[in-house]
Amino acid sequence: MLTKTRFSVPPLGVDVFDGTLKGLVLAEGEFTTDEEAQSFMPPPECVAEVTDDARFTGGRLVETSRQDLLQWLAEYGLHPATS
């Protein structure tokens, strides 16, 4: 089971995950025009772009172990605490 809380921080929808994926935070841009999307500058807290990485889709995350998540994040140069 995948559990998360979604926050609306326009123009972002921010998902904060619980359970096995606790600590994972994904932000998804929500734009009404292509121009808005193209001119968007992510805030400095956005540390990796995973839009084209199928591993970070809901269907894949629901099956993901913590160990797999940590390995994927390491590929982006991210090394969160393991506890």
N, C-alpha and C. Protein backbone atom coordinates (compact mmCIF):
# COMPACT_ATOMS: atom_id res chain seq x y z
N MET A 1 0.84 -1.17 0.00
CA MET A 1 0.00 0.00 0.00
C MET A 1 0.89 1.24 0.00
N LEU A 2 0.49 2.23 -0.76
CA LEU A 2 1.21 3.48 -0.87
C LEU A 2 0.44 4.55 -0.10
N THR A 3 1.10 5.22 0.85
CA THR A 3 0.42 6.29 1.59
C THR A 3 1.24 7.56 1.47
N LYS A 4 0.50 8.65 1.24
CA LYS A 4 1.14 9.94 1.09
C LYS A 4 0.13 11.03 1.41
N THR A 5 0.66 12.20 1.68
CA THR A 5 -0.17 13.38 1.87
C THR A 5 0.19 14.35 0.76
N ARG A 6 -0.82 14.89 0.09
CA ARG A 6 -0.58 15.84 -0.99
C ARG A 6 -0.88 17.24 -0.48
N PHE A 7 0.07 18.12 -0.73
CA PHE A 7 -0.07 19.53 -0.40
C PHE A 7 -0.12 20.32 -1.70
N SER A 8 -0.95 21.34 -1.73
CA SER A 8 -1.01 22.22 -2.89
C SER A 8 -0.19 23.46 -2.59
N VAL A 9 0.90 23.61 -3.34
CA VAL A 9 1.79 24.76 -3.22
C VAL A 9 1.96 25.29 -4.64
N PRO A 10 0.93 25.99 -5.16
CA PRO A 10 0.92 26.37 -6.57
C PRO A 10 2.23 27.02 -7.00
N PRO A 11 2.71 26.59 -8.15
CA PRO A 11 2.06 25.69 -9.11
C PRO A 11 2.40 24.22 -8.89
N LEU A 12 2.80 23.85 -7.69
CA LEU A 12 3.19 22.46 -7.44
C LEU A 12 2.17 21.72 -6.60
N GLY A 13 2.03 20.44 -6.88
CA GLY A 13 1.39 19.50 -6.00
C GLY A 13 2.52 18.72 -5.35
N VAL A 14 2.61 18.75 -4.04
CA VAL A 14 3.74 18.14 -3.34
C VAL A 14 3.26 16.92 -2.56
N ASP A 15 3.82 15.76 -2.88
CA ASP A 15 3.47 14.51 -2.21
C ASP A 15 4.55 14.15 -1.20
N VAL A 16 4.13 13.96 0.05
CA VAL A 16 5.02 13.55 1.14
C VAL A 16 4.62 12.13 1.51
N PHE A 17 5.54 11.20 1.31
CA PHE A 17 5.24 9.79 1.47
C PHE A 17 5.47 9.31 2.90
N ASP A 18 4.69 8.28 3.27
CA ASP A 18 4.79 7.63 4.58
C ASP A 18 5.18 6.17 4.36
N GLY A 19 5.22 5.43 5.46
CA GLY A 19 5.49 4.00 5.39
C GLY A 19 6.88 3.70 4.86
N THR A 20 6.97 2.71 4.00
CA THR A 20 8.24 2.26 3.44
C THR A 20 8.99 3.39 2.73
N LEU A 21 8.24 4.32 2.16
CA LEU A 21 8.85 5.41 1.39
C LEU A 21 8.97 6.70 2.20
N LYS A 22 8.85 6.58 3.52
CA LYS A 22 8.90 7.76 4.38
C LYS A 22 10.15 8.58 4.10
N GLY A 23 9.93 9.87 3.94
CA GLY A 23 11.03 10.78 3.65
C GLY A 23 11.09 11.19 2.19
N LEU A 24 10.45 10.40 1.32
CA LEU A 24 10.41 10.76 -0.10
C LEU A 24 9.40 11.88 -0.29
N VAL A 25 9.81 12.91 -0.97
CA VAL A 25 8.93 14.04 -1.29
C VAL A 25 9.05 14.28 -2.79
N LEU A 26 7.92 14.21 -3.48
CA LEU A 26 7.89 14.47 -4.91
C LEU A 26 6.98 15.66 -5.19
N ALA A 27 7.42 16.52 -6.07
CA ALA A 27 6.61 17.68 -6.47
C ALA A 27 6.29 17.56 -7.95
N GLU A 28 5.04 17.84 -8.27
CA GLU A 28 4.57 17.75 -9.65
C GLU A 28 4.03 19.11 -10.06
N GLY A 29 4.55 19.63 -11.17
CA GLY A 29 4.07 20.92 -11.67
C GLY A 29 2.68 20.80 -12.24
N GLU A 30 1.85 21.78 -11.95
CA GLU A 30 0.48 21.82 -12.44
C GLU A 30 0.29 23.15 -13.16
N PHE A 31 0.36 23.11 -14.50
CA PHE A 31 0.32 24.33 -15.30
C PHE A 31 -0.87 24.32 -16.23
N THR A 32 -1.38 25.50 -16.54
CA THR A 32 -2.52 25.59 -17.45
C THR A 32 -2.09 25.84 -18.89
N THR A 33 -0.85 26.30 -19.09
CA THR A 33 -0.36 26.53 -20.45
C THR A 33 1.06 26.00 -20.60
N ASP A 34 1.45 25.74 -21.83
CA ASP A 34 2.82 25.30 -22.11
C ASP A 34 3.81 26.39 -21.74
N GLU A 35 3.42 27.64 -21.93
CA GLU A 35 4.31 28.76 -21.60
C GLU A 35 4.62 28.79 -20.11
N GLU A 36 3.61 28.55 -19.28
CA GLU A 36 3.82 28.51 -17.83
C GLU A 36 4.81 27.40 -17.48
N ALA A 37 4.63 26.25 -18.07
CA ALA A 37 5.51 25.11 -17.79
C ALA A 37 6.94 25.41 -18.22
N GLN A 38 7.11 26.00 -19.38
CA GLN A 38 8.45 26.27 -19.90
C GLN A 38 9.17 27.36 -19.12
N SER A 39 8.43 28.30 -18.54
CA SER A 39 9.08 29.39 -17.81
C SER A 39 9.27 29.09 -16.32
N PHE A 40 8.77 27.94 -15.87
CA PHE A 40 8.86 27.59 -14.46
C PHE A 40 10.30 27.33 -14.05
N MET A 41 10.69 27.94 -12.95
CA MET A 41 12.00 27.69 -12.35
C MET A 41 11.77 26.98 -11.03
N PRO A 42 12.21 25.73 -10.89
CA PRO A 42 11.99 25.00 -9.64
C PRO A 42 12.71 25.68 -8.48
N PRO A 43 12.11 25.62 -7.29
CA PRO A 43 12.78 26.18 -6.12
C PRO A 43 14.02 25.36 -5.79
N PRO A 44 14.95 25.95 -5.04
CA PRO A 44 16.20 25.25 -4.74
C PRO A 44 16.01 23.95 -3.96
N GLU A 45 14.87 23.78 -3.30
CA GLU A 45 14.60 22.55 -2.55
C GLU A 45 14.37 21.36 -3.49
N CYS A 46 14.10 21.62 -4.75
CA CYS A 46 13.93 20.55 -5.75
C CYS A 46 15.32 20.12 -6.18
N VAL A 47 15.73 18.94 -5.78
CA VAL A 47 17.12 18.53 -5.95
C VAL A 47 17.35 17.53 -7.08
N ALA A 48 16.29 16.97 -7.65
CA ALA A 48 16.47 16.02 -8.75
C ALA A 48 15.24 16.05 -9.63
N GLU A 49 15.45 15.95 -10.92
CA GLU A 49 14.37 15.90 -11.91
C GLU A 49 14.10 14.44 -12.24
N VAL A 50 12.90 13.94 -11.90
CA VAL A 50 12.58 12.53 -12.13
C VAL A 50 11.40 12.34 -13.07
N THR A 51 11.02 13.40 -13.78
CA THR A 51 9.85 13.33 -14.65
C THR A 51 9.90 12.14 -15.60
N ASP A 52 11.04 11.90 -16.20
CA ASP A 52 11.15 10.84 -17.20
C ASP A 52 11.62 9.51 -16.63
N ASP A 53 11.65 9.39 -15.32
CA ASP A 53 12.11 8.17 -14.66
C ASP A 53 10.88 7.38 -14.21
N ALA A 54 10.56 6.32 -14.93
CA ALA A 54 9.35 5.53 -14.67
C ALA A 54 9.33 4.93 -13.27
N ARG A 55 10.48 4.82 -12.62
CA ARG A 55 10.53 4.25 -11.27
C ARG A 55 9.79 5.13 -10.27
N PHE A 56 9.62 6.41 -10.57
CA PHE A 56 8.99 7.33 -9.63
C PHE A 56 7.52 7.58 -9.95
N THR A 57 6.90 6.68 -10.66
CA THR A 57 5.46 6.75 -10.91
C THR A 57 4.74 5.99 -9.80
N GLY A 58 3.49 6.36 -9.56
CA GLY A 58 2.72 5.71 -8.50
C GLY A 58 2.65 4.21 -8.64
N GLY A 59 2.44 3.72 -9.87
CA GLY A 59 2.34 2.29 -10.10
C GLY A 59 3.61 1.55 -9.73
N ARG A 60 4.73 2.16 -9.92
CA ARG A 60 6.00 1.52 -9.58
C ARG A 60 6.33 1.70 -8.11
N LEU A 61 6.07 2.89 -7.58
CA LEU A 61 6.39 3.15 -6.17
C LEU A 61 5.63 2.25 -5.21
N VAL A 62 4.42 1.86 -5.59
CA VAL A 62 3.61 1.02 -4.70
C VAL A 62 4.28 -0.33 -4.46
N GLU A 63 5.15 -0.75 -5.37
CA GLU A 63 5.84 -2.04 -5.26
C GLU A 63 7.27 -1.91 -4.77
N THR A 64 7.70 -0.70 -4.42
CA THR A 64 9.10 -0.43 -4.15
C THR A 64 9.48 -0.65 -2.69
N SER A 65 10.59 -1.32 -2.48
CA SER A 65 11.13 -1.49 -1.14
C SER A 65 11.95 -0.26 -0.77
N ARG A 66 12.19 -0.09 0.50
CA ARG A 66 13.02 1.03 0.96
C ARG A 66 14.42 0.92 0.38
N GLN A 67 14.95 -0.29 0.34
CA GLN A 67 16.30 -0.50 -0.21
C GLN A 67 16.37 -0.08 -1.67
N ASP A 68 15.35 -0.45 -2.45
CA ASP A 68 15.32 -0.03 -3.86
C ASP A 68 15.26 1.49 -3.96
N LEU A 69 14.41 2.11 -3.15
CA LEU A 69 14.30 3.56 -3.18
C LEU A 69 15.64 4.22 -2.88
N LEU A 70 16.33 3.75 -1.86
CA LEU A 70 17.63 4.32 -1.51
C LEU A 70 18.64 4.14 -2.64
N GLN A 71 18.59 3.01 -3.32
CA GLN A 71 19.48 2.77 -4.45
C GLN A 71 19.18 3.75 -5.59
N TRP A 72 17.89 3.93 -5.90
CA TRP A 72 17.51 4.86 -6.96
C TRP A 72 17.95 6.28 -6.63
N LEU A 73 17.74 6.69 -5.38
CA LEU A 73 18.14 8.04 -4.97
C LEU A 73 19.65 8.22 -5.08
N ALA A 74 20.39 7.17 -4.75
CA ALA A 74 21.85 7.23 -4.85
C ALA A 74 22.29 7.49 -6.29
N GLU A 75 21.54 6.98 -7.25
CA GLU A 75 21.86 7.23 -8.65
C GLU A 75 21.73 8.70 -9.00
N TYR A 76 20.96 9.45 -8.21
CA TYR A 76 20.83 10.89 -8.38
C TYR A 76 21.79 11.66 -7.47
N GLY A 77 22.66 10.93 -6.79
CA GLY A 77 23.60 11.56 -5.88
C GLY A 77 23.00 11.93 -4.54
N LEU A 78 21.86 11.35 -4.22
CA LEU A 78 21.16 11.63 -2.96
C LEU A 78 21.36 10.46 -2.01
N HIS A 79 21.74 10.76 -0.79
CA HIS A 79 22.02 9.72 0.20
C HIS A 79 21.36 10.09 1.53
N PRO A 80 20.02 9.89 1.61
CA PRO A 80 19.33 10.22 2.86
C PRO A 80 19.70 9.26 3.96
N ALA A 81 19.43 9.66 5.18
CA ALA A 81 19.67 8.78 6.33
C ALA A 81 18.85 7.51 6.15
N THR A 82 19.40 6.38 6.54
CA THR A 82 18.72 5.10 6.35
C THR A 82 17.84 4.71 7.52
N SER A 83 17.84 5.45 8.59
CA SER A 83 17.00 5.09 9.73
C SER A 83 15.65 5.73 9.66
